[in-house]
C-alpha cells in the first residue's frame, strides 16, 4: 500500500502552509503564544479569512459552500492547521 502523497497533494500542502503563514492573524498567534484564551471574535476573524478563500467548510459538500476537497486534502488541511496551531 502506497501511503506517500501524490505530487498534487504535496502542492496542495504547500499551498495550505503558505496560506496559513500569510493569512493567520498575528494577533491570534500572539494570544496563543501568550497562553491567552481566544474570544469568539478571534475565531470569527480567522473564519472570515477562510470564507473569503472558500476554505471555511472543508468537509461540506460544494453545493452547500464546502471545498469539494478529497479526503486526503482534508487530512492535509487538518494536519497543517494543527502544525501551525491555527485555531478554528
PDB file of N, CA and C in Angstrom:
ATOM      1  N   UNK A   1       0.840  -1.176   0.000  1.00  0.00           N
ATOM      2  CA  UNK A   1       0.000   0.000   0.000  1.00  0.00           C
ATOM      3  C   UNK A   1       0.885   1.239   0.000  1.00  0.00           C
ATOM      4  N   UNK A   2       0.644   2.125  -0.930  1.00  0.00           N
ATOM      5  CA  UNK A   2       1.420   3.354  -1.075  1.00  0.00           C
ATOM      6  C   UNK A   2       0.745   4.454  -0.261  1.00  0.00           C
ATOM      7  N   UNK A   3       1.436   4.923   0.759  1.00  0.00           N
ATOM      8  CA  UNK A   3       0.856   5.982   1.582  1.00  0.00           C
ATOM      9  C   UNK A   3       1.554   7.322   1.366  1.00  0.00           C
ATOM     10  N   UNK A   4       2.378   7.402   0.336  1.00  0.00           N
ATOM     11  CA  UNK A   4       3.024   8.667   0.009  1.00  0.00           C
ATOM     12  C   UNK A   4       2.014   9.604  -0.645  1.00  0.00           C
ATOM     13  N   UNK A   5       2.188  10.885  -0.402  1.00  0.00           N
ATOM     14  CA  UNK A   5       1.343  11.869  -1.061  1.00  0.00           C
ATOM     15  C   UNK A   5       1.738  11.984  -2.527  1.00  0.00           C
ATOM     16  N   UNK A   6       0.747  12.239  -3.357  1.00  0.00           N
ATOM     17  CA  UNK A   6       0.999  12.474  -4.781  1.00  0.00           C
ATOM     18  C   UNK A   6       1.639  13.852  -4.944  1.00  0.00           C
ATOM     19  N   UNK A   7       2.228  14.130  -6.103  1.00  0.00           N
ATOM     20  CA  UNK A   7       2.752  15.483  -6.338  1.00  0.00           C
ATOM     21  C   UNK A   7       1.670  16.557  -6.172  1.00  0.00           C
ATOM     22  N   UNK A   8       0.439  16.234  -6.566  1.00  0.00           N
ATOM     23  CA  UNK A   8      -0.654  17.195  -6.420  1.00  0.00           C
ATOM     24  C   UNK A   8      -0.979  17.444  -4.943  1.00  0.00           C
ATOM     25  N   UNK A   9      -0.931  16.375  -4.150  1.00  0.00           N
ATOM     26  CA  UNK A   9      -1.169  16.523  -2.716  1.00  0.00           C
ATOM     27  C   UNK A   9      -0.074  17.356  -2.065  1.00  0.00           C
ATOM     28  N   UNK A  10       1.167  17.140  -2.474  1.00  0.00           N
ATOM     29  CA  UNK A  10       2.276  17.925  -1.921  1.00  0.00           C
ATOM     30  C   UNK A  10       2.158  19.394  -2.313  1.00  0.00           C
ATOM     31  N   UNK A  11       1.700  19.649  -3.527  1.00  0.00           N
ATOM     32  CA  UNK A  11       1.491  21.039  -3.957  1.00  0.00           C
ATOM     33  C   UNK A  11       0.370  21.673  -3.134  1.00  0.00           C
ATOM     34  N   UNK A  12      -0.680  20.916  -2.880  1.00  0.00           N
ATOM     35  CA  UNK A  12      -1.770  21.414  -2.046  1.00  0.00           C
ATOM     36  C   UNK A  12      -1.262  21.701  -0.632  1.00  0.00           C
ATOM     37  N   UNK A  13      -0.470  20.790  -0.086  1.00  0.00           N
ATOM     38  CA  UNK A  13       0.094  21.000   1.255  1.00  0.00           C
ATOM     39  C   UNK A  13       0.901  22.301   1.301  1.00  0.00           C
ATOM     40  N   UNK A  14       1.695  22.529   0.267  1.00  0.00           N
ATOM     41  CA  UNK A  14       2.481  23.764   0.220  1.00  0.00           C
ATOM     42  C   UNK A  14       1.586  24.997   0.121  1.00  0.00           C
ATOM     43  N   UNK A  15       0.501  24.883  -0.649  1.00  0.00           N
ATOM     44  CA  UNK A  15      -0.455  25.994  -0.755  1.00  0.00           C
ATOM     45  C   UNK A  15      -1.087  26.292   0.600  1.00  0.00           C
ATOM     46  N   UNK A  16      -1.476  25.245   1.309  1.00  0.00           N
ATOM     47  CA  UNK A  16      -2.084  25.420   2.636  1.00  0.00           C
ATOM     48  C   UNK A  16      -1.082  26.052   3.597  1.00  0.00           C
ATOM     49  N   UNK A  17       0.145  25.560   3.624  1.00  0.00           N
ATOM     50  CA  UNK A  17       1.170  26.115   4.519  1.00  0.00           C
ATOM     51  C   UNK A  17       1.392  27.594   4.244  1.00  0.00           C
ATOM     52  N   UNK A  18       1.507  27.922   2.971  1.00  0.00           N
ATOM     53  CA  UNK A  18       1.737  29.320   2.592  1.00  0.00           C
ATOM     54  C   UNK A  18       0.545  30.185   2.974  1.00  0.00           C
ATOM     55  N   UNK A  19      -0.654  29.695   2.699  1.00  0.00           N
ATOM     56  CA  UNK A  19      -1.855  30.455   3.038  1.00  0.00           C
ATOM     57  C   UNK A  19      -1.921  30.740   4.538  1.00  0.00           C
ATOM     58  N   UNK A  20      -1.707  29.723   5.345  1.00  0.00           N
ATOM     59  CA  UNK A  20      -1.766  29.921   6.796  1.00  0.00           C
ATOM     60  C   UNK A  20      -0.682  30.891   7.241  1.00  0.00           C
ATOM     61  N   UNK A  21       0.526  30.712   6.744  1.00  0.00           N
ATOM     62  CA  UNK A  21       1.639  31.584   7.134  1.00  0.00           C
ATOM     63  C   UNK A  21       1.365  33.043   6.774  1.00  0.00           C
ATOM     64  N   UNK A  22       0.730  33.257   5.652  1.00  0.00           N
ATOM     65  CA  UNK A  22       0.495  34.624   5.175  1.00  0.00           C
ATOM     66  C   UNK A  22      -0.809  35.234   5.681  1.00  0.00           C
ATOM     67  N   UNK A  23      -1.741  34.416   6.158  1.00  0.00           N
ATOM     68  CA  UNK A  23      -3.078  34.935   6.468  1.00  0.00           C
ATOM     69  C   UNK A  23      -3.560  34.736   7.888  1.00  0.00           C
ATOM     70  N   UNK A  24      -2.955  33.833   8.644  1.00  0.00           N
ATOM     71  CA  UNK A  24      -3.419  33.632  10.015  1.00  0.00           C
ATOM     72  C   UNK A  24      -3.122  34.903  10.804  1.00  0.00           C
ATOM     73  N   UNK A  25      -4.128  35.507  11.433  1.00  0.00           N
ATOM     74  CA  UNK A  25      -3.945  36.801  12.084  1.00  0.00           C
ATOM     75  C   UNK A  25      -2.854  36.794  13.166  1.00  0.00           C
ATOM     76  N   UNK A  26      -1.955  37.740  13.059  1.00  0.00           N
ATOM     77  CA  UNK A  26      -0.841  37.849  14.009  1.00  0.00           C
ATOM     78  C   UNK A  26      -1.336  38.030  15.439  1.00  0.00           C
ATOM     79  N   UNK A  27      -2.449  38.743  15.613  1.00  0.00           N
ATOM     80  CA  UNK A  27      -2.952  38.960  16.966  1.00  0.00           C
ATOM     81  C   UNK A  27      -3.429  37.649  17.600  1.00  0.00           C
ATOM     82  N   UNK A  28      -3.954  36.744  16.794  1.00  0.00           N
ATOM     83  CA  UNK A  28      -4.343  35.432  17.320  1.00  0.00           C
ATOM     84  C   UNK A  28      -3.106  34.637  17.698  1.00  0.00           C
ATOM     85  N   UNK A  29      -2.118  34.670  16.833  1.00  0.00           N
ATOM     86  CA  UNK A  29      -0.862  33.972  17.116  1.00  0.00           C
ATOM     87  C   UNK A  29      -0.260  34.499  18.414  1.00  0.00           C
ATOM     88  N   UNK A  30      -0.287  35.813  18.598  1.00  0.00           N
ATOM     89  CA  UNK A  30       0.242  36.405  19.816  1.00  0.00           C
ATOM     90  C   UNK A  30      -0.506  35.945  21.054  1.00  0.00           C
ATOM     91  N   UNK A  31      -1.827  35.926  20.969  1.00  0.00           N
ATOM     92  CA  UNK A  31      -2.619  35.455  22.103  1.00  0.00           C
ATOM     93  C   UNK A  31      -2.302  33.996  22.423  1.00  0.00           C
ATOM     94  N   UNK A  32      -2.184  33.186  21.390  1.00  0.00           N
ATOM     95  CA  UNK A  32      -1.883  31.770  21.605  1.00  0.00           C
ATOM     96  C   UNK A  32      -0.492  31.608  22.223  1.00  0.00           C
ATOM     97  N   UNK A  33       0.463  32.364  21.731  1.00  0.00           N
ATOM     98  CA  UNK A  33       1.827  32.267  22.248  1.00  0.00           C
ATOM     99  C   UNK A  33       1.899  32.672  23.718  1.00  0.00           C
ATOM    100  N   UNK A  34       1.028  33.594  24.110  1.00  0.00           N
ATOM    101  CA  UNK A  34       0.990  34.060  25.494  1.00  0.00           C
ATOM    102  C   UNK A  34       0.119  33.168  26.376  1.00  0.00           C
ATOM    103  N   UNK A  35      -0.587  32.228  25.763  1.00  0.00           N
ATOM    104  CA  UNK A  35      -1.453  31.339  26.519  1.00  0.00           C
ATOM    105  C   UNK A  35      -2.799  31.959  26.854  1.00  0.00           C
ATOM    106  N   UNK A  36      -3.130  33.066  26.170  1.00  0.00           N
ATOM    107  CA  UNK A  36      -4.407  33.731  26.411  1.00  0.00           C
ATOM    108  C   UNK A  36      -5.548  32.961  25.736  1.00  0.00           C
ATOM    109  N   UNK A  37      -6.709  33.037  26.340  1.00  0.00           N
ATOM    110  CA  UNK A  37      -7.889  32.408  25.771  1.00  0.00           C
ATOM    111  C   UNK A  37      -8.381  33.237  24.590  1.00  0.00           C
ATOM    112  N   UNK A  38      -8.754  32.550  23.517  1.00  0.00           N
ATOM    113  CA  UNK A  38      -9.283  33.242  22.352  1.00  0.00           C
ATOM    114  C   UNK A  38     -10.778  33.479  22.535  1.00  0.00           C
ATOM    115  N   UNK A  39     -11.213  34.657  22.140  1.00  0.00           N
ATOM    116  CA  UNK A  39     -12.621  35.033  22.235  1.00  0.00           C
ATOM    117  C   UNK A  39     -13.347  34.652  20.945  1.00  0.00           C
ATOM    118  N   UNK A  40     -14.654  34.709  20.995  1.00  0.00           N
ATOM    119  CA  UNK A  40     -15.479  34.398  19.831  1.00  0.00           C
ATOM    120  C   UNK A  40     -15.044  35.227  18.630  1.00  0.00           C
ATOM    121  N   UNK A  41     -14.804  36.504  18.828  1.00  0.00           N
ATOM    122  CA  UNK A  41     -14.404  37.380  17.719  1.00  0.00           C
ATOM    123  C   UNK A  41     -13.072  36.950  17.113  1.00  0.00           C
ATOM    124  N   UNK A  42     -12.183  36.382  17.920  1.00  0.00           N
ATOM    125  CA  UNK A  42     -10.914  35.878  17.401  1.00  0.00           C
ATOM    126  C   UNK A  42     -11.167  34.754  16.392  1.00  0.00           C
ATOM    127  N   UNK A  43     -12.009  33.815  16.789  1.00  0.00           N
ATOM    128  CA  UNK A  43     -12.342  32.711  15.886  1.00  0.00           C
ATOM    129  C   UNK A  43     -13.027  33.231  14.627  1.00  0.00           C
ATOM    130  N   UNK A  44     -13.933  34.189  14.801  1.00  0.00           N
ATOM    131  CA  UNK A  44     -14.649  34.735  13.653  1.00  0.00           C
ATOM    132  C   UNK A  44     -13.723  35.462  12.697  1.00  0.00           C
ATOM    133  N   UNK A  45     -12.712  36.130  13.212  1.00  0.00           N
ATOM    134  CA  UNK A  45     -11.785  36.840  12.317  1.00  0.00           C
ATOM    135  C   UNK A  45     -11.063  35.856  11.400  1.00  0.00           C
ATOM    136  N   UNK A  46     -10.639  34.720  11.937  1.00  0.00           N
ATOM    137  CA  UNK A  46      -9.983  33.694  11.126  1.00  0.00           C
ATOM    138  C   UNK A  46     -10.994  33.054  10.163  1.00  0.00           C
ATOM    139  N   UNK A  47     -12.198  32.820  10.631  1.00  0.00           N
ATOM    140  CA  UNK A  47     -13.206  32.216   9.757  1.00  0.00           C
ATOM    141  C   UNK A  47     -13.600  33.148   8.620  1.00  0.00           C
ATOM    142  N   UNK A  48     -13.562  34.444   8.830  1.00  0.00           N
ATOM    143  CA  UNK A  48     -13.843  35.387   7.734  1.00  0.00           C
ATOM    144  C   UNK A  48     -12.771  35.268   6.653  1.00  0.00           C
ATOM    145  N   UNK A  49     -11.535  35.121   7.074  1.00  0.00           N
ATOM    146  CA  UNK A  49     -10.431  34.943   6.123  1.00  0.00           C
ATOM    147  C   UNK A  49     -10.610  33.633   5.359  1.00  0.00           C
ATOM    148  N   UNK A  50     -10.944  32.568   6.086  1.00  0.00           N
ATOM    149  CA  UNK A  50     -11.168  31.279   5.437  1.00  0.00           C
ATOM    150  C   UNK A  50     -12.347  31.345   4.467  1.00  0.00           C
ATOM    151  N   UNK A  51     -13.395  32.042   4.859  1.00  0.00           N
ATOM    152  CA  UNK A  51     -14.570  32.194   3.995  1.00  0.00           C
ATOM    153  C   UNK A  51     -14.186  32.890   2.693  1.00  0.00           C
ATOM    154  N   UNK A  52     -13.422  33.948   2.793  1.00  0.00           N
ATOM    155  CA  UNK A  52     -13.003  34.693   1.609  1.00  0.00           C
ATOM    156  C   UNK A  52     -12.215  33.797   0.646  1.00  0.00           C
ATOM    157  N   UNK A  53     -11.420  32.889   1.187  1.00  0.00           N
ATOM    158  CA  UNK A  53     -10.630  31.954   0.383  1.00  0.00           C
ATOM    159  C   UNK A  53     -11.491  30.796  -0.124  1.00  0.00           C
ATOM    160  N   UNK A  54     -12.657  30.581   0.504  1.00  0.00           N
ATOM    161  CA  UNK A  54     -13.507  29.450   0.144  1.00  0.00           C
ATOM    162  C   UNK A  54     -13.162  28.187   0.913  1.00  0.00           C
ATOM    163  N   UNK A  55     -12.458  28.354   2.031  1.00  0.00           N
ATOM    164  CA  UNK A  55     -11.967  27.223   2.806  1.00  0.00           C
ATOM    165  C   UNK A  55     -12.595  27.124   4.194  1.00  0.00           C
ATOM    166  N   UNK A  56     -13.704  27.762   4.435  1.00  0.00           N
ATOM    167  CA  UNK A  56     -14.275  27.780   5.779  1.00  0.00           C
ATOM    168  C   UNK A  56     -14.947  26.461   6.165  1.00  0.00           C
ATOM    169  N   UNK A  57     -15.364  25.675   5.192  1.00  0.00           N
ATOM    170  CA  UNK A  57     -16.084  24.431   5.493  1.00  0.00           C
ATOM    171  C   UNK A  57     -15.490  23.271   4.693  1.00  0.00           C
ATOM    172  N   UNK A  58     -14.298  22.806   5.075  1.00  0.00           N
ATOM    173  CA  UNK A  58     -13.601  21.788   4.286  1.00  0.00           C
ATOM    174  C   UNK A  58     -14.364  20.477   4.091  1.00  0.00           C
ATOM    175  N   UNK A  59     -15.191  20.090   5.022  1.00  0.00           N
ATOM    176  CA  UNK A  59     -15.876  18.794   4.929  1.00  0.00           C
ATOM    177  C   UNK A  59     -17.275  18.891   4.316  1.00  0.00           C
ATOM    178  N   UNK A  60     -17.735  20.085   4.053  1.00  0.00           N
ATOM    179  CA  UNK A  60     -19.078  20.245   3.497  1.00  0.00           C
ATOM    180  C   UNK A  60     -19.075  19.988   1.993  1.00  0.00           C
ATOM    181  N   UNK A  61     -20.199  19.536   1.457  1.00  0.00           N
ATOM    182  CA  UNK A  61     -20.309  19.403   0.002  1.00  0.00           C
ATOM    183  C   UNK A  61     -20.249  20.774  -0.675  1.00  0.00           C
ATOM    184  N   UNK A  62     -19.751  20.803  -1.885  1.00  0.00           N
ATOM    185  CA  UNK A  62     -19.622  22.054  -2.632  1.00  0.00           C
ATOM    186  C   UNK A  62     -20.952  22.787  -2.732  1.00  0.00           C
ATOM    187  N   UNK A  63     -22.032  22.049  -2.940  1.00  0.00           N
ATOM    188  CA  UNK A  63     -23.335  22.697  -3.125  1.00  0.00           C
ATOM    189  C   UNK A  63     -23.819  23.428  -1.877  1.00  0.00           C
ATOM    190  N   UNK A  64     -23.174  23.186  -0.746  1.00  0.00           N
ATOM    191  CA  UNK A  64     -23.526  23.881   0.494  1.00  0.00           C
ATOM    192  C   UNK A  64     -22.412  24.806   0.962  1.00  0.00           C
ATOM    193  N   UNK A  65     -21.516  25.152   0.065  1.00  0.00           N
ATOM    194  CA  UNK A  65     -20.447  26.079   0.396  1.00  0.00           C
ATOM    195  C   UNK A  65     -19.141  25.436   0.810  1.00  0.00           C
ATOM    196  N   UNK A  66     -19.042  24.136   0.651  1.00  0.00           N
ATOM    197  CA  UNK A  66     -17.817  23.423   1.015  1.00  0.00           C
ATOM    198  C   UNK A  66     -16.753  23.519  -0.061  1.00  0.00           C
ATOM    199  N   UNK A  67     -15.638  22.903   0.218  1.00  0.00           N
ATOM    200  CA  UNK A  67     -14.473  22.994  -0.661  1.00  0.00           C
ATOM    201  C   UNK A  67     -14.452  21.968  -1.784  1.00  0.00           C
ATOM    202  N   UNK A  68     -15.093  20.828  -1.563  1.00  0.00           N
ATOM    203  CA  UNK A  68     -15.008  19.758  -2.537  1.00  0.00           C
ATOM    204  C   UNK A  68     -13.690  19.010  -2.463  1.00  0.00           C
ATOM    205  N   UNK A  69     -12.976  19.192  -1.360  1.00  0.00           N
ATOM    206  CA  UNK A  69     -11.686  18.531  -1.200  1.00  0.00           C
ATOM    207  C   UNK A  69     -11.844  17.025  -1.076  1.00  0.00           C
ATOM    208  N   UNK A  70     -10.800  16.339  -1.472  1.00  0.00           N
ATOM    209  CA  UNK A  70     -10.735  14.895  -1.290  1.00  0.00           C
ATOM    210  C   UNK A  70     -10.466  14.600   0.188  1.00  0.00           C
ATOM    211  N   UNK A  71     -10.671  13.363   0.622  1.00  0.00           N
ATOM    212  CA  UNK A  71     -10.309  13.011   1.999  1.00  0.00           C
ATOM    213  C   UNK A  71      -8.831  13.296   2.300  1.00  0.00           C
ATOM    214  N   UNK A  72      -7.973  13.092   1.318  1.00  0.00           N
ATOM    215  CA  UNK A  72      -6.546  13.374   1.529  1.00  0.00           C
ATOM    216  C   UNK A  72      -6.315  14.861   1.727  1.00  0.00           C
ATOM    217  N   UNK A  73      -6.976  15.696   0.946  1.00  0.00           N
ATOM    218  CA  UNK A  73      -6.834  17.142   1.121  1.00  0.00           C
ATOM    219  C   UNK A  73      -7.362  17.585   2.486  1.00  0.00           C
ATOM    220  N   UNK A  74      -8.460  17.008   2.918  1.00  0.00           N
ATOM    221  CA  UNK A  74      -8.986  17.354   4.249  1.00  0.00           C
ATOM    222  C   UNK A  74      -8.011  16.921   5.331  1.00  0.00           C
ATOM    223  N   UNK A  75      -7.382  15.774   5.157  1.00  0.00           N
ATOM    224  CA  UNK A  75      -6.363  15.318   6.099  1.00  0.00           C
ATOM    225  C   UNK A  75      -5.193  16.297   6.125  1.00  0.00           C
ATOM    226  N   UNK A  76      -4.729  16.687   4.956  1.00  0.00           N
ATOM    227  CA  UNK A  76      -3.621  17.644   4.873  1.00  0.00           C
ATOM    228  C   UNK A  76      -4.006  18.950   5.566  1.00  0.00           C
ATOM    229  N   UNK A  77      -5.219  19.441   5.305  1.00  0.00           N
ATOM    230  CA  UNK A  77      -5.691  20.673   5.954  1.00  0.00           C
ATOM    231  C   UNK A  77      -5.646  20.532   7.469  1.00  0.00           C
ATOM    232  N   UNK A  78      -6.155  19.438   7.965  1.00  0.00           N
ATOM    233  CA  UNK A  78      -6.180  19.192   9.401  1.00  0.00           C
ATOM    234  C   UNK A  78      -4.768  19.147   9.969  1.00  0.00           C
ATOM    235  N   UNK A  79      -3.886  18.448   9.305  1.00  0.00           N
ATOM    236  CA  UNK A  79      -2.504  18.329   9.768  1.00  0.00           C
ATOM    237  C   UNK A  79      -1.797  19.692   9.738  1.00  0.00           C
ATOM    238  N   UNK A  80      -2.008  20.447   8.710  1.00  0.00           N
ATOM    239  CA  UNK A  80      -1.310  21.737   8.579  1.00  0.00           C
ATOM    240  C   UNK A  80      -1.853  22.791   9.537  1.00  0.00           C
ATOM    241  N   UNK A  81      -3.160  22.785   9.806  1.00  0.00           N
ATOM    242  CA  UNK A  81      -3.678  23.738  10.793  1.00  0.00           C
ATOM    243  C   UNK A  81      -3.171  23.362  12.180  1.00  0.00           C
ATOM    244  N   UNK A  82      -3.083  22.075  12.460  1.00  0.00           N
ATOM    245  CA  UNK A  82      -2.527  21.641  13.759  1.00  0.00           C
ATOM    246  C   UNK A  82      -1.050  22.002  13.853  1.00  0.00           C
ATOM    247  N   UNK A  83      -0.324  21.766  12.788  1.00  0.00           N
ATOM    248  CA  UNK A  83       1.114  22.080  12.744  1.00  0.00           C
ATOM    249  C   UNK A  83       1.358  23.565  13.022  1.00  0.00           C
ATOM    250  N   UNK A  84       0.493  24.398  12.461  1.00  0.00           N
ATOM    251  CA  UNK A  84       0.640  25.852  12.603  1.00  0.00           C
ATOM    252  C   UNK A  84      -0.066  26.376  13.840  1.00  0.00           C
ATOM    253  N   UNK A  85      -0.688  25.500  14.590  1.00  0.00           N
ATOM    254  CA  UNK A  85      -1.542  25.864  15.724  1.00  0.00           C
ATOM    255  C   UNK A  85      -2.514  26.984  15.338  1.00  0.00           C
ATOM    256  N   UNK A  86      -3.130  26.821  14.179  1.00  0.00           N
ATOM    257  CA  UNK A  86      -4.131  27.770  13.693  1.00  0.00           C
ATOM    258  C   UNK A  86      -5.486  27.336  14.244  1.00  0.00           C
ATOM    259  N   UNK A  87      -6.026  28.101  15.157  1.00  0.00           N
ATOM    260  CA  UNK A  87      -7.298  27.756  15.800  1.00  0.00           C
ATOM    261  C   UNK A  87      -8.456  27.853  14.838  1.00  0.00           C
ATOM    262  N   UNK A  88      -9.494  27.092  15.178  1.00  0.00           N
ATOM    263  CA  UNK A  88     -10.736  27.182  14.424  1.00  0.00           C
ATOM    264  C   UNK A  88     -10.842  26.087  13.494  1.00  0.00           C
TER     265      UNK A  88
END
